Structures are given as structure tokens and as C-alpha cells.
C-alpha atoms as a PDB file:
ATOM      1  CA  UNK A   1     -12.980   1.495  51.869  1.00  0.00           C
ATOM      2  CA  UNK A   2     -12.134   0.132  48.465  1.00  0.00           C
ATOM      3  CA  UNK A   3     -14.814  -1.881  46.772  1.00  0.00           C
ATOM      4  CA  UNK A   4     -12.138  -4.160  45.328  1.00  0.00           C
ATOM      5  CA  UNK A   5     -11.335  -5.287  48.987  1.00  0.00           C
ATOM      6  CA  UNK A   6     -14.751  -5.515  50.033  1.00  0.00           C
ATOM      7  CA  UNK A   7     -16.208  -8.977  51.699  1.00  0.00           C
ATOM      8  CA  UNK A   8     -17.866 -10.892  48.738  1.00  0.00           C
ATOM      9  CA  UNK A   9     -18.879 -13.592  51.247  1.00  0.00           C
ATOM     10  CA  UNK A  10     -22.417 -14.569  49.822  1.00  0.00           C
ATOM     11  CA  UNK A  11     -23.475 -15.541  53.425  1.00  0.00           C
ATOM     12  CA  UNK A  12     -22.569 -12.351  54.957  1.00  0.00           C
ATOM     13  CA  UNK A  13     -25.595  -9.932  55.853  1.00  0.00           C
ATOM     14  CA  UNK A  14     -23.853  -7.001  54.197  1.00  0.00           C
ATOM     15  CA  UNK A  15     -21.853  -8.886  51.440  1.00  0.00           C
ATOM     16  CA  UNK A  16     -19.194  -6.147  51.139  1.00  0.00           C
ATOM     17  CA  UNK A  17     -21.560  -2.983  51.085  1.00  0.00           C
ATOM     18  CA  UNK A  18     -20.739  -0.128  52.861  1.00  0.00           C
ATOM     19  CA  UNK A  19     -23.222   2.016  55.117  1.00  0.00           C
ATOM     20  CA  UNK A  20     -23.854   4.418  52.287  1.00  0.00           C
ATOM     21  CA  UNK A  21     -24.601   1.524  49.783  1.00  0.00           C
ATOM     22  CA  UNK A  22     -27.103   0.030  52.236  1.00  0.00           C
ATOM     23  CA  UNK A  23     -28.706   3.463  52.760  1.00  0.00           C
ATOM     24  CA  UNK A  24     -29.167   3.830  48.817  1.00  0.00           C
ATOM     25  CA  UNK A  25     -30.610   0.461  48.577  1.00  0.00           C
ATOM     26  CA  UNK A  26     -34.756   0.534  48.181  1.00  0.00           C
ATOM     27  CA  UNK A  27     -36.556  -0.958  51.187  1.00  0.00           C
ATOM     28  CA  UNK A  28     -38.406  -3.363  49.183  1.00  0.00           C
ATOM     29  CA  UNK A  29     -37.242  -4.814  45.906  1.00  0.00           C
ATOM     30  CA  UNK A  30     -38.740  -7.759  43.747  1.00  0.00           C
ATOM     31  CA  UNK A  31     -41.080  -9.904  45.555  1.00  0.00           C
ATOM     32  CA  UNK A  32     -40.950  -7.983  48.927  1.00  0.00           C
ATOM     33  CA  UNK A  33     -43.170  -5.454  47.314  1.00  0.00           C
ATOM     34  CA  UNK A  34     -45.880  -8.001  46.534  1.00  0.00           C
ATOM     35  CA  UNK A  35     -48.921  -7.630  48.890  1.00  0.00           C
ATOM     36  CA  UNK A  36     -50.410 -10.788  50.650  1.00  0.00           C
ATOM     37  CA  UNK A  37     -53.300 -10.429  48.562  1.00  0.00           C
ATOM     38  CA  UNK A  38     -51.677 -11.003  45.364  1.00  0.00           C
ATOM     39  CA  UNK A  39     -50.371 -14.637  46.477  1.00  0.00           C
ATOM     40  CA  UNK A  40     -50.394 -17.345  43.787  1.00  0.00           C
ATOM     41  CA  UNK A  41     -52.910 -20.132  44.399  1.00  0.00           C
ATOM     42  CA  UNK A  42     -51.610 -22.986  46.591  1.00  0.00           C
ATOM     43  CA  UNK A  43     -48.785 -20.859  48.130  1.00  0.00           C
ATOM     44  CA  UNK A  44     -49.044 -19.969  51.865  1.00  0.00           C
ATOM     45  CA  UNK A  45     -48.344 -16.642  53.580  1.00  0.00           C
ATOM     46  CA  UNK A  46     -45.123 -18.584  55.310  1.00  0.00           C
ATOM     47  CA  UNK A  47     -43.807 -19.962  52.105  1.00  0.00           C
ATOM     48  CA  UNK A  48     -44.070 -16.396  50.387  1.00  0.00           C
ATOM     49  CA  UNK A  49     -42.282 -15.112  53.214  1.00  0.00           C
ATOM     50  CA  UNK A  50     -39.340 -17.395  52.767  1.00  0.00           C
ATOM     51  CA  UNK A  51     -39.241 -16.768  49.169  1.00  0.00           C
ATOM     52  CA  UNK A  52     -39.490 -12.881  49.736  1.00  0.00           C
ATOM     53  CA  UNK A  53     -36.367 -13.167  51.998  1.00  0.00           C
ATOM     54  CA  UNK A  54     -34.581 -15.557  49.572  1.00  0.00           C
ATOM     55  CA  UNK A  55     -35.059 -13.133  46.657  1.00  0.00           C
ATOM     56  CA  UNK A  56     -33.837  -9.956  48.901  1.00  0.00           C
ATOM     57  CA  UNK A  57     -30.593 -12.052  49.790  1.00  0.00           C
ATOM     58  CA  UNK A  58     -30.106 -13.008  46.059  1.00  0.00           C
ATOM     59  CA  UNK A  59     -30.524  -9.339  45.039  1.00  0.00           C
ATOM     60  CA  UNK A  60     -28.190  -8.086  47.500  1.00  0.00           C
ATOM     61  CA  UNK A  61     -25.701 -10.686  46.166  1.00  0.00           C
ATOM     62  CA  UNK A  62     -26.060  -9.527  42.673  1.00  0.00           C
ATOM     63  CA  UNK A  63     -25.565  -5.855  43.604  1.00  0.00           C
ATOM     64  CA  UNK A  64     -22.511  -6.848  45.589  1.00  0.00           C
ATOM     65  CA  UNK A  65     -20.991  -8.709  42.818  1.00  0.00           C
ATOM     66  CA  UNK A  66     -21.585  -5.916  40.304  1.00  0.00           C
ATOM     67  CA  UNK A  67     -19.828  -3.376  42.544  1.00  0.00           C
ATOM     68  CA  UNK A  68     -16.832  -6.006  43.142  1.00  0.00           C
ATOM     69  CA  UNK A  69     -16.650  -6.565  39.413  1.00  0.00           C
ATOM     70  CA  UNK A  70     -16.618  -2.823  38.463  1.00  0.00           C
ATOM     71  CA  UNK A  71     -13.850  -2.466  40.987  1.00  0.00           C
ATOM     72  CA  UNK A  72     -12.011  -5.380  39.334  1.00  0.00           C
ATOM     73  CA  UNK A  73     -12.254  -4.003  35.835  1.00  0.00           C
ATOM     74  CA  UNK A  74     -10.853  -0.463  36.952  1.00  0.00           C
ATOM     75  CA  UNK A  75      -7.959  -2.195  38.644  1.00  0.00           C
ATOM     76  CA  UNK A  76      -7.286  -4.323  35.588  1.00  0.00           C
ATOM     77  CA  UNK A  77      -7.346  -1.187  33.414  1.00  0.00           C
ATOM     78  CA  UNK A  78      -4.925   0.541  35.382  1.00  0.00           C
ATOM     79  CA  UNK A  79      -2.423  -2.638  35.374  1.00  0.00           C
ATOM     80  CA  UNK A  80      -2.799  -2.540  31.542  1.00  0.00           C
ATOM     81  CA  UNK A  81      -2.009   1.036  31.364  1.00  0.00           C
ATOM     82  CA  UNK A  82       0.985   0.598  33.527  1.00  0.00           C
ATOM     83  CA  UNK A  83       2.127  -2.401  31.379  1.00  0.00           C
ATOM     84  CA  UNK A  84       1.568  -0.349  27.943  1.00  0.00           C
ATOM     85  CA  UNK A  85      -0.796  -2.509  26.959  1.00  0.00           C
ATOM     86  CA  UNK A  86      -3.156  -0.669  24.333  1.00  0.00           C
ATOM     87  CA  UNK A  87      -6.549  -1.680  23.152  1.00  0.00           C
ATOM     88  CA  UNK A  88      -5.032  -2.496  19.493  1.00  0.00           C
ATOM     89  CA  UNK A  89      -2.398  -4.617  21.441  1.00  0.00           C
ATOM     90  CA  UNK A  90      -4.860  -6.498  23.415  1.00  0.00           C
ATOM     91  CA  UNK A  91      -7.083  -6.897  20.235  1.00  0.00           C
ATOM     92  CA  UNK A  92      -4.352  -8.478  18.318  1.00  0.00           C
ATOM     93  CA  UNK A  93      -3.403 -10.894  21.177  1.00  0.00           C
ATOM     94  CA  UNK A  94      -7.041 -11.772  21.345  1.00  0.00           C
ATOM     95  CA  UNK A  95      -7.052 -12.482  17.378  1.00  0.00           C
ATOM     96  CA  UNK A  96      -4.084 -14.565  17.559  1.00  0.00           C
ATOM     97  CA  UNK A  97      -5.246 -16.665  20.788  1.00  0.00           C
ATOM     98  CA  UNK A  98      -8.785 -17.135  18.872  1.00  0.00           C
ATOM     99  CA  UNK A  99      -6.808 -18.407  15.620  1.00  0.00           C
ATOM    100  CA  UNK A 100      -4.664 -20.894  17.619  1.00  0.00           C
ATOM    101  CA  UNK A 101      -7.895 -22.215  19.389  1.00  0.00           C
ATOM    102  CA  UNK A 102      -9.333 -22.514  16.003  1.00  0.00           C
ATOM    103  CA  UNK A 103      -6.332 -24.506  14.684  1.00  0.00           C
ATOM    104  CA  UNK A 104      -6.479 -26.924  17.516  1.00  0.00           C
ATOM    105  CA  UNK A 105     -10.136 -27.231  17.543  1.00  0.00           C
ATOM    106  CA  UNK A 106     -11.561 -30.998  16.629  1.00  0.00           C
ATOM    107  CA  UNK A 107     -13.387 -29.475  13.687  1.00  0.00           C
ATOM    108  CA  UNK A 108     -10.395 -27.711  12.303  1.00  0.00           C
ATOM    109  CA  UNK A 109      -8.394 -30.830  12.520  1.00  0.00           C
ATOM    110  CA  UNK A 110     -10.969 -32.992  10.927  1.00  0.00           C
ATOM    111  CA  UNK A 111     -11.460 -30.609   8.046  1.00  0.00           C
ATOM    112  CA  UNK A 112      -7.658 -30.588   7.518  1.00  0.00           C
ATOM    113  CA  UNK A 113      -7.549 -34.202   7.437  1.00  0.00           C
ATOM    114  CA  UNK A 114     -10.153 -34.611   5.000  1.00  0.00           C
ATOM    115  CA  UNK A 115      -8.584 -31.932   2.611  1.00  0.00           C
ATOM    116  CA  UNK A 116      -5.322 -33.885   2.798  1.00  0.00           C
ATOM    117  CA  UNK A 117      -7.093 -37.084   1.781  1.00  0.00           C
ATOM    118  CA  UNK A 118      -8.760 -35.531  -1.034  1.00  0.00           C
ATOM    119  CA  UNK A 119      -5.489 -34.279  -2.169  1.00  0.00           C
ATOM    120  CA  UNK A 120      -3.810 -37.456  -1.944  1.00  0.00           C
ATOM    121  CA  UNK A 121      -6.661 -38.938  -4.125  1.00  0.00           C
ATOM    122  CA  UNK A 122      -6.640 -36.306  -6.888  1.00  0.00           C
ATOM    123  CA  UNK A 123      -2.927 -36.325  -7.247  1.00  0.00           C
ATOM    124  CA  UNK A 124      -2.865 -39.976  -7.219  1.00  0.00           C
ATOM    125  CA  UNK A 125      -5.541 -40.774  -9.708  1.00  0.00           C
ATOM    126  CA  UNK A 126      -4.719 -41.717 -13.382  1.00  0.00           C
ATOM    127  CA  UNK A 127      -6.067 -38.665 -15.100  1.00  0.00           C
ATOM    128  CA  UNK A 128      -4.112 -36.412 -13.082  1.00  0.00           C
ATOM    129  CA  UNK A 129      -0.841 -38.464 -13.510  1.00  0.00           C
ATOM    130  CA  UNK A 130      -1.314 -38.997 -17.307  1.00  0.00           C
ATOM    131  CA  UNK A 131      -1.843 -35.021 -17.497  1.00  0.00           C
ATOM    132  CA  UNK A 132       1.362 -34.263 -15.430  1.00  0.00           C
ATOM    133  CA  UNK A 133       3.508 -36.967 -17.692  1.00  0.00           C
ATOM    134  CA  UNK A 134       2.186 -35.199 -20.932  1.00  0.00           C
ATOM    135  CA  UNK A 135       3.132 -31.740 -19.638  1.00  0.00           C
ATOM    136  CA  UNK A 136       6.581 -32.928 -18.537  1.00  0.00           C
ATOM    137  CA  UNK A 137       6.943 -34.685 -22.146  1.00  0.00           C
ATOM    138  CA  UNK A 138       6.094 -31.329 -23.717  1.00  0.00           C
ATOM    139  CA  UNK A 139       8.499 -29.204 -21.909  1.00  0.00           C
ATOM    140  CA  UNK A 140      11.297 -31.668 -22.259  1.00  0.00           C
ATOM    141  CA  UNK A 141      10.703 -31.979 -26.066  1.00  0.00           C
ATOM    142  CA  UNK A 142      12.977 -30.371 -28.701  1.00  0.00           C
ATOM    143  CA  UNK A 143      10.365 -28.670 -30.492  1.00  0.00           C
ATOM    144  CA  UNK A 144       9.391 -26.878 -27.182  1.00  0.00           C
ATOM    145  CA  UNK A 145      12.884 -25.967 -26.624  1.00  0.00           C
ATOM    146  CA  UNK A 146      13.716 -24.689 -29.887  1.00  0.00           C
ATOM    147  CA  UNK A 147      10.453 -22.720 -29.936  1.00  0.00           C
ATOM    148  CA  UNK A 148      11.246 -21.149 -26.437  1.00  0.00           C
ATOM    149  CA  UNK A 149      14.935 -20.414 -27.783  1.00  0.00           C
ATOM    150  CA  UNK A 150      13.710 -18.869 -31.043  1.00  0.00           C
ATOM    151  CA  UNK A 151      11.231 -16.607 -28.893  1.00  0.00           C
ATOM    152  CA  UNK A 152      13.912 -15.636 -26.585  1.00  0.00           C
ATOM    153  CA  UNK A 153      16.432 -14.718 -29.299  1.00  0.00           C
ATOM    154  CA  UNK A 154      13.518 -12.652 -31.182  1.00  0.00           C
ATOM    155  CA  UNK A 155      12.724 -10.752 -27.827  1.00  0.00           C
ATOM    156  CA  UNK A 156      16.383  -9.895 -27.612  1.00  0.00           C
ATOM    157  CA  UNK A 157      17.050  -8.862 -31.022  1.00  0.00           C
ATOM    158  CA  UNK A 158      13.740  -6.595 -30.841  1.00  0.00           C
ATOM    159  CA  UNK A 159      14.936  -4.942 -27.699  1.00  0.00           C
ATOM    160  CA  UNK A 160      18.464  -4.444 -29.073  1.00  0.00           C
ATOM    161  CA  UNK A 161      16.939  -2.955 -32.239  1.00  0.00           C
ATOM    162  CA  UNK A 162      14.639  -0.669 -30.321  1.00  0.00           C
ATOM    163  CA  UNK A 163      17.657   0.438 -28.106  1.00  0.00           C
ATOM    164  CA  UNK A 164      19.734   1.092 -31.232  1.00  0.00           C
ATOM    165  CA  UNK A 165      16.954   3.282 -32.772  1.00  0.00           C
ATOM    166  CA  UNK A 166      16.455   5.391 -29.748  1.00  0.00           C
ATOM    167  CA  UNK A 167      20.130   5.905 -29.155  1.00  0.00           C
ATOM    168  CA  UNK A 168      20.382   7.154 -33.034  1.00  0.00           C
ATOM    169  CA  UNK A 169      17.286   9.480 -32.643  1.00  0.00           C
ATOM    170  CA  UNK A 170      18.587  11.010 -29.487  1.00  0.00           C
ATOM    171  CA  UNK A 171      22.260  11.535 -30.905  1.00  0.00           C
ATOM    172  CA  UNK A 172      20.524  13.135 -34.103  1.00  0.00           C
ATOM    173  CA  UNK A 173      18.596  15.538 -32.115  1.00  0.00           C
ATOM    174  CA  UNK A 174      21.621  16.298 -30.165  1.00  0.00           C
ATOM    175  CA  UNK A 175      23.559  17.201 -33.181  1.00  0.00           C
ATOM    176  CA  UNK A 176      20.822  19.162 -34.688  1.00  0.00           C
ATOM    177  CA  UNK A 177      20.515  21.093 -31.474  1.00  0.00           C
ATOM    178  CA  UNK A 178      24.131  21.765 -31.351  1.00  0.00           C
ATOM    179  CA  UNK A 179      24.348  22.681 -34.981  1.00  0.00           C
ATOM    180  CA  UNK A 180      21.579  25.310 -34.472  1.00  0.00           C
ATOM    181  CA  UNK A 181      23.359  26.827 -31.472  1.00  0.00           C
ATOM    182  CA  UNK A 182      26.649  27.159 -33.242  1.00  0.00           C
ATOM    183  CA  UNK A 183      25.120  28.496 -36.227  1.00  0.00           C
ATOM    184  CA  UNK A 184      23.133  31.198 -34.512  1.00  0.00           C
ATOM    185  CA  UNK A 185      26.173  32.255 -32.575  1.00  0.00           C
ATOM    186  CA  UNK A 186      28.821  32.047 -35.322  1.00  0.00           C
ATOM    187  CA  UNK A 187      27.034  33.575 -38.167  1.00  0.00           C
ATOM    188  CA  UNK A 188      26.772  37.467 -36.976  1.00  0.00           C
ATOM    189  CA  UNK A 189      30.503  37.291 -35.869  1.00  0.00           C
ATOM    190  CA  UNK A 190      31.407  35.720 -39.343  1.00  0.00           C
ATOM    191  CA  UNK A 191      29.536  38.503 -41.348  1.00  0.00           C
ATOM    192  CA  UNK A 192      31.497  41.314 -39.246  1.00  0.00           C
ATOM    193  CA  UNK A 193      34.712  40.047 -39.740  1.00  0.00           C
ATOM    194  CA  UNK A 194      37.273  41.345 -42.029  1.00  0.00           C
ATOM    195  CA  UNK A 195      37.905  38.010 -44.014  1.00  0.00           C
ATOM    196  CA  UNK A 196      34.170  37.866 -44.836  1.00  0.00           C
ATOM    197  CA  UNK A 197      34.115  41.301 -45.859  1.00  0.00           C
ATOM    198  CA  UNK A 198      37.283  40.910 -48.133  1.00  0.00           C
ATOM    199  CA  UNK A 199      35.674  37.868 -49.825  1.00  0.00           C
ATOM    200  CA  UNK A 200      32.426  39.618 -50.264  1.00  0.00           C
ATOM    201  CA  UNK A 201      34.544  42.421 -52.065  1.00  0.00           C
ATOM    202  CA  UNK A 202      36.045  40.052 -54.446  1.00  0.00           C
ATOM    203  CA  UNK A 203      32.756  38.108 -55.283  1.00  0.00           C
ATOM    204  CA  UNK A 204      31.207  41.719 -55.893  1.00  0.00           C
ATOM    205  CA  UNK A 205      34.202  42.380 -58.362  1.00  0.00           C
ATOM    206  CA  UNK A 206      34.108  39.083 -60.095  1.00  0.00           C
ATOM    207  CA  UNK A 207      30.218  39.553 -60.536  1.00  0.00           C
ATOM    208  CA  UNK A 208      30.863  42.836 -62.109  1.00  0.00           C
ATOM    209  CA  UNK A 209      33.379  41.721 -64.591  1.00  0.00           C
ATOM    210  CA  UNK A 210      31.369  38.721 -65.700  1.00  0.00           C
ATOM    211  CA  UNK A 211      28.000  40.401 -65.829  1.00  0.00           C
ATOM    212  CA  UNK A 212      28.034  44.131 -65.574  1.00  0.00           C
ATOM    213  CA  UNK A 213      30.760  44.449 -68.305  1.00  0.00           C
ATOM    214  CA  UNK A 214      28.852  42.604 -70.746  1.00  0.00           C
ATOM    215  CA  UNK A 215      25.833  44.191 -70.073  1.00  0.00           C
ATOM    216  CA  UNK A 216      27.164  47.699 -70.700  1.00  0.00           C
ATOM    217  CA  UNK A 217      29.422  46.780 -73.490  1.00  0.00           C
ATOM    218  CA  UNK A 218      32.255  48.338 -71.264  1.00  0.00           C
ATOM    219  CA  UNK A 219      35.690  46.981 -70.401  1.00  0.00           C
ATOM    220  CA  UNK A 220      35.499  45.064 -67.169  1.00  0.00           C
ATOM    221  CA  UNK A 221      36.598  47.093 -64.198  1.00  0.00           C
ATOM    222  CA  UNK A 222      35.896  46.917 -60.594  1.00  0.00           C
ATOM    223  CA  UNK A 223      33.701  49.243 -58.803  1.00  0.00           C
ATOM    224  CA  UNK A 224      36.090  49.224 -56.149  1.00  0.00           C
ATOM    225  CA  UNK A 225      39.119  50.350 -58.088  1.00  0.00           C
ATOM    226  CA  UNK A 226      39.209  53.561 -56.029  1.00  0.00           C
ATOM    227  CA  UNK A 227      39.510  51.386 -52.944  1.00  0.00           C
ATOM    228  CA  UNK A 228      41.501  48.221 -54.083  1.00  0.00           C
ATOM    229  CA  UNK A 229      41.672  45.346 -51.830  1.00  0.00           C
ATOM    230  CA  UNK A 230      45.141  45.205 -50.162  1.00  0.00           C
ATOM    231  CA  UNK A 231      47.270  42.141 -51.145  1.00  0.00           C
ATOM    232  CA  UNK A 232      47.940  40.968 -47.732  1.00  0.00           C
ATOM    233  CA  UNK A 233      44.036  40.321 -47.321  1.00  0.00           C
ATOM    234  CA  UNK A 234      43.681  37.336 -45.144  1.00  0.00           C
ATOM    235  CA  UNK A 235      41.534  35.481 -47.924  1.00  0.00           C
END
């Protein structure tokens, strides 16, 4: 028999306990184990027996209620699992409910009212009003506005100057990189071209005529006369 459906009538002799539960209970519990020789002074044997019976009944009721409560808790857990209510969701709901209870409590309402009164007193005092008026006058004065405009313009100019410098540096570095690449690529090709070789031969001839002839006292003649440069040279 399910313990959730057990009889919890406190006047019932078994109070929802099955035969197994009754068989497992000790024969004497609490005051029933007290021997007659240990009775308190002024308590008769008949009164002690009535108290023992009452205590036994109360202990049986407690045991029954514990079993029923355990069954109800298991049933509630099963219902929560079917509804998809996790412990975290339940905790959030409990916190929200607790906060709502705090907000509606008399102490919270009283504190809120006192804080509102203090705020009204502070904002309505002469010192607060005078300070607020002074700040308003300062913010609306011409000196304040001019200072604010000057600082704003200075900040904009500084930002523009820094941006221009950064752009110029980036462009310069890019030009240097491109020039280095073009130079490293074009120089070997230029040296091996026919135009560069023809130009180099003419420079050597001029150098020989100007320098070599004077040094040797000879008439200037080209060292490449045996292989003169053609007239249709590209340079």
C-alpha cells in the first residue's frame, strides 16, 4: 500500500502503518521503558500508566507523519520533474518571491518612506538650491561656453593633425618599400640591356679621350676602335 495514501487519522490505532511497519517498531519506547521503581515523587502508578499510553500514542503519530511526509516529498519531486522544474528554476522563483515579500513588508515600506522624506528635505534646503543655482549659472555663462568650444576645437584639430601625420608616414613607408622593390628588380635587367652596354662603352671612350690621352701624350683614340659602336645604337 502506498504510504502517500495511508490513513493519517491521529485517532486510528494504526495511523496508516502497515503490518510491516508495526512489526519493526520496538515494543517499548520512551516512557514505556521506565520501570515502576523510577517514578517521580507525587506520581501514582495509575497516572504513570496513563502518561505512558499517551506518550506511545504520540510517538506512533510522529512516526506516521514522517512516513507520510516522506511519501509526499517523493510525489512532489516526481511532479516537478514532469513539469521540467529544475532546482535552479525553483531557487530563482524562491528568490523572486522572497524579494517581493520584502518589498511588501512593513519595515521596507517604512524605510522607503523615510528615505523619501530625507530626499525631499535635502533637495528643498537653501544650501542645495543655492548650489544648484550656482552650477546652472556657471554652465550657462559665456565664459564656460567659450571654454568648452575652445577645448572641443583643440581636440578636433589635434585629432586631425595626428591623423594627417599618420597618413603621411604610412604613405612614405609605402613609397620607400615600392621603390626598393622596383630598384632591386630593374637594376639587373638594365645592366644586361644593349642600351646600357652602349652607354657604358661611350662613357669609357670619353674617359679615355679626356684622361688617358693627356696622361700618355698621345692622340686621343678610343680603345674600342677595332669594334666601333654602330650608328644605329639605341642610345
